[in-house]
Amino acid sequence: MPDLQRLGEMIRMAAYEEKKGTGHRDILRYYRSDYVALQMIRTAIYTTIAYGLILGLLVASNAEELLARVGRMDLPFVITVLVAVYLAMLGIWLFMTFGLSMHRYNKEAENLGAYKRHLGNLKEMLQ
């Protein structure tokens, strides 16, 4: 019977290493706060690039109309609205990234804990 239990532990450990092991090692190389901060920095950079591209496409598609109205526009108001939209977009994405990063890190730590328990069980069985 102990041989079947050892085999079961080994199978569970092999399945973990095959499916999830590589992702755990990547995420758990960092402290939780460092991992979350890194993800939030990436999100801020990607959000800024995306906002710039969207804004550039909107300006390019309406360039003729914008040039005709540029003298009549209230530029400080337009700039304020553009900055407010950017900050709102950035805030929403950062909030979502924070929650998702914390969830991923905690899930990976929990799964690694289960792997370590199986490893401990196997070590006890072999002694």
C-alpha atoms as a PDB file:
ATOM      1  CA  MET A   1       0.000   0.000   0.000  1.00  0.00           C
ATOM      2  CA  PRO A   2       2.763   2.529   0.773  1.00  0.00           C
ATOM      3  CA  ASP A   3       4.085   2.020  -2.759  1.00  0.00           C
ATOM      4  CA  LEU A   4       0.739   3.138  -4.193  1.00  0.00           C
ATOM      5  CA  GLN A   5       0.733   6.188  -1.921  1.00  0.00           C
ATOM      6  CA  ARG A   6       4.264   7.098  -3.009  1.00  0.00           C
ATOM      7  CA  LEU A   7       3.272   6.633  -6.617  1.00  0.00           C
ATOM      8  CA  GLY A   8       0.236   8.858  -6.101  1.00  0.00           C
ATOM      9  CA  GLU A   9       2.372  11.605  -4.548  1.00  0.00           C
ATOM     10  CA  MET A  10       4.877  11.351  -7.379  1.00  0.00           C
ATOM     11  CA  ILE A  11       2.103  11.556  -9.980  1.00  0.00           C
ATOM     12  CA  ARG A  12       0.624  14.661  -8.332  1.00  0.00           C
ATOM     13  CA  MET A  13       4.049  16.292  -8.169  1.00  0.00           C
ATOM     14  CA  ALA A  14       4.808  15.433 -11.808  1.00  0.00           C
ATOM     15  CA  ALA A  15       1.443  16.822 -12.907  1.00  0.00           C
ATOM     16  CA  TYR A  16       2.153  20.048 -11.015  1.00  0.00           C
ATOM     17  CA  GLU A  17       5.604  20.387 -12.575  1.00  0.00           C
ATOM     18  CA  GLU A  18       4.232  19.651 -16.030  1.00  0.00           C
ATOM     19  CA  LYS A  19       1.315  22.091 -15.947  1.00  0.00           C
ATOM     20  CA  LYS A  20       2.030  24.844 -13.449  1.00  0.00           C
ATOM     21  CA  GLY A  21       5.601  24.582 -12.245  1.00  0.00           C
ATOM     22  CA  THR A  22       7.268  27.003 -14.628  1.00  0.00           C
ATOM     23  CA  GLY A  23       4.826  29.850 -13.980  1.00  0.00           C
ATOM     24  CA  HIS A  24       5.231  29.492 -10.224  1.00  0.00           C
ATOM     25  CA  ARG A  25       8.961  29.788 -10.406  1.00  0.00           C
ATOM     26  CA  ASP A  26       8.736  32.976 -12.454  1.00  0.00           C
ATOM     27  CA  ILE A  27       6.231  34.748 -10.220  1.00  0.00           C
ATOM     28  CA  LEU A  28       7.598  33.558  -6.899  1.00  0.00           C
ATOM     29  CA  ARG A  29      11.101  34.821  -7.652  1.00  0.00           C
ATOM     30  CA  TYR A  30       9.816  38.204  -6.436  1.00  0.00           C
ATOM     31  CA  TYR A  31       8.395  39.416  -3.175  1.00  0.00           C
ATOM     32  CA  ARG A  32       4.676  40.069  -3.444  1.00  0.00           C
ATOM     33  CA  SER A  33       5.052  43.855  -3.352  1.00  0.00           C
ATOM     34  CA  ASP A  34       7.807  43.766  -5.993  1.00  0.00           C
ATOM     35  CA  TYR A  35       5.763  41.550  -8.297  1.00  0.00           C
ATOM     36  CA  VAL A  36       2.696  43.771  -7.993  1.00  0.00           C
ATOM     37  CA  ALA A  37       4.775  46.934  -8.504  1.00  0.00           C
ATOM     38  CA  LEU A  38       6.397  45.462 -11.614  1.00  0.00           C
ATOM     39  CA  GLN A  39       3.010  44.562 -13.067  1.00  0.00           C
ATOM     40  CA  MET A  40       1.656  48.027 -12.308  1.00  0.00           C
ATOM     41  CA  ILE A  41       4.664  49.717 -13.953  1.00  0.00           C
ATOM     42  CA  ARG A  42       4.167  47.566 -17.049  1.00  0.00           C
ATOM     43  CA  THR A  43       0.487  48.453 -17.098  1.00  0.00           C
ATOM     44  CA  ALA A  44       1.232  52.173 -16.784  1.00  0.00           C
ATOM     45  CA  ILE A  45       3.669  52.013 -19.701  1.00  0.00           C
ATOM     46  CA  TYR A  46       1.313  50.006 -21.917  1.00  0.00           C
ATOM     47  CA  THR A  47      -1.652  52.207 -21.016  1.00  0.00           C
ATOM     48  CA  THR A  48       0.309  55.340 -21.892  1.00  0.00           C
ATOM     49  CA  ILE A  49       1.321  53.863 -25.250  1.00  0.00           C
ATOM     50  CA  ALA A  50      -2.238  52.743 -25.977  1.00  0.00           C
ATOM     51  CA  TYR A  51      -3.674  56.147 -25.050  1.00  0.00           C
ATOM     52  CA  GLY A  52      -1.135  57.888 -27.266  1.00  0.00           C
ATOM     53  CA  LEU A  53      -1.953  55.608 -30.190  1.00  0.00           C
ATOM     54  CA  ILE A  54      -5.704  56.055 -29.751  1.00  0.00           C
ATOM     55  CA  LEU A  55      -5.328  59.810 -29.479  1.00  0.00           C
ATOM     56  CA  GLY A  56      -3.025  59.874 -32.511  1.00  0.00           C
ATOM     57  CA  LEU A  57      -5.511  57.859 -34.570  1.00  0.00           C
ATOM     58  CA  LEU A  58      -8.380  60.133 -33.548  1.00  0.00           C
ATOM     59  CA  VAL A  59      -6.392  63.236 -34.447  1.00  0.00           C
ATOM     60  CA  ALA A  60      -5.271  61.723 -37.765  1.00  0.00           C
ATOM     61  CA  SER A  61      -8.788  60.682 -38.730  1.00  0.00           C
ATOM     62  CA  ASN A  62     -10.247  64.125 -37.881  1.00  0.00           C
ATOM     63  CA  ALA A  63      -7.228  66.266 -38.817  1.00  0.00           C
ATOM     64  CA  GLU A  64      -9.044  68.480 -41.308  1.00  0.00           C
ATOM     65  CA  GLU A  65     -11.893  69.244 -38.922  1.00  0.00           C
ATOM     66  CA  LEU A  66      -9.505  69.865 -36.017  1.00  0.00           C
ATOM     67  CA  LEU A  67      -7.387  72.291 -38.051  1.00  0.00           C
ATOM     68  CA  ALA A  68     -10.510  74.202 -39.054  1.00  0.00           C
ATOM     69  CA  ARG A  69     -11.636  74.524 -35.419  1.00  0.00           C
ATOM     70  CA  VAL A  70      -8.261  75.077 -33.709  1.00  0.00           C
ATOM     71  CA  GLY A  71      -8.722  78.863 -33.550  1.00  0.00           C
ATOM     72  CA  ARG A  72     -12.139  78.585 -31.895  1.00  0.00           C
ATOM     73  CA  MET A  73     -11.242  75.855 -29.391  1.00  0.00           C
ATOM     74  CA  ASP A  74     -10.735  76.454 -25.704  1.00  0.00           C
ATOM     75  CA  LEU A  75      -7.321  74.727 -25.627  1.00  0.00           C
ATOM     76  CA  PRO A  76      -6.848  74.702 -21.830  1.00  0.00           C
ATOM     77  CA  PHE A  77     -10.225  72.983 -21.468  1.00  0.00           C
ATOM     78  CA  VAL A  78      -9.456  70.447 -24.221  1.00  0.00           C
ATOM     79  CA  ILE A  79      -6.073  69.652 -22.667  1.00  0.00           C
ATOM     80  CA  THR A  80      -7.680  69.323 -19.237  1.00  0.00           C
ATOM     81  CA  VAL A  81     -10.262  66.886 -20.600  1.00  0.00           C
ATOM     82  CA  LEU A  82      -7.593  64.844 -22.403  1.00  0.00           C
ATOM     83  CA  VAL A  83      -5.472  64.620 -19.240  1.00  0.00           C
ATOM     84  CA  ALA A  84      -8.522  63.740 -17.120  1.00  0.00           C
ATOM     85  CA  VAL A  85      -9.521  60.957 -19.524  1.00  0.00           C
ATOM     86  CA  TYR A  86      -5.937  59.637 -19.503  1.00  0.00           C
ATOM     87  CA  LEU A  87      -5.766  59.662 -15.697  1.00  0.00           C
ATOM     88  CA  ALA A  88      -9.164  57.967 -15.419  1.00  0.00           C
ATOM     89  CA  MET A  89      -8.134  55.304 -17.904  1.00  0.00           C
ATOM     90  CA  LEU A  90      -4.803  54.799 -16.135  1.00  0.00           C
ATOM     91  CA  GLY A  91      -6.480  54.607 -12.723  1.00  0.00           C
ATOM     92  CA  ILE A  92      -8.974  51.982 -13.854  1.00  0.00           C
ATOM     93  CA  TRP A  93      -6.282  49.816 -15.456  1.00  0.00           C
ATOM     94  CA  LEU A  94      -3.956  50.130 -12.464  1.00  0.00           C
ATOM     95  CA  PHE A  95      -6.763  49.176 -10.084  1.00  0.00           C
ATOM     96  CA  MET A  96      -7.573  46.090 -12.138  1.00  0.00           C
ATOM     97  CA  THR A  97      -3.881  45.191 -12.438  1.00  0.00           C
ATOM     98  CA  PHE A  98      -3.381  45.474  -8.688  1.00  0.00           C
ATOM     99  CA  GLY A  99      -6.238  43.086  -7.948  1.00  0.00           C
ATOM    100  CA  LEU A 100      -5.257  40.612 -10.647  1.00  0.00           C
ATOM    101  CA  SER A 101      -1.562  40.619  -9.675  1.00  0.00           C
ATOM    102  CA  MET A 102      -2.351  40.034  -6.006  1.00  0.00           C
ATOM    103  CA  HIS A 103      -4.709  37.204  -6.938  1.00  0.00           C
ATOM    104  CA  ARG A 104      -2.131  35.570  -9.236  1.00  0.00           C
ATOM    105  CA  TYR A 105       0.664  35.837  -6.687  1.00  0.00           C
ATOM    106  CA  ASN A 106      -1.471  34.437  -3.863  1.00  0.00           C
ATOM    107  CA  LYS A 107      -2.722  31.589  -6.065  1.00  0.00           C
ATOM    108  CA  GLU A 108       0.806  30.704  -7.153  1.00  0.00           C
ATOM    109  CA  ALA A 109       2.052  30.751  -3.543  1.00  0.00           C
ATOM    110  CA  GLU A 110      -0.856  28.517  -2.494  1.00  0.00           C
ATOM    111  CA  ASN A 111      -0.145  26.039  -5.301  1.00  0.00           C
ATOM    112  CA  LEU A 112       3.549  25.963  -4.444  1.00  0.00           C
ATOM    113  CA  GLY A 113       2.631  25.292  -0.804  1.00  0.00           C
ATOM    114  CA  ALA A 114       0.597  22.267  -1.903  1.00  0.00           C
ATOM    115  CA  TYR A 115       3.558  21.038  -3.951  1.00  0.00           C
ATOM    116  CA  LYS A 116       5.838  21.383  -0.941  1.00  0.00           C
ATOM    117  CA  ARG A 117       3.354  19.412   1.195  1.00  0.00           C
ATOM    118  CA  HIS A 118       3.372  16.601  -1.368  1.00  0.00           C
ATOM    119  CA  LEU A 119       7.162  16.715  -1.369  1.00  0.00           C
ATOM    120  CA  GLY A 120       7.197  16.455   2.437  1.00  0.00           C
ATOM    121  CA  ASN A 121       4.766  13.530   2.320  1.00  0.00           C
ATOM    122  CA  LEU A 122       6.963  11.745  -0.182  1.00  0.00           C
ATOM    123  CA  LYS A 123      10.055  12.378   1.937  1.00  0.00           C
ATOM    124  CA  GLU A 124       8.318  10.855   4.988  1.00  0.00           C
ATOM    125  CA  MET A 125       7.267   7.813   2.970  1.00  0.00           C
ATOM    126  CA  LEU A 126      10.804   7.220   1.751  1.00  0.00           C
ATOM    127  CA  GLN A 127      12.296   7.242   5.247  1.00  0.00           C
END
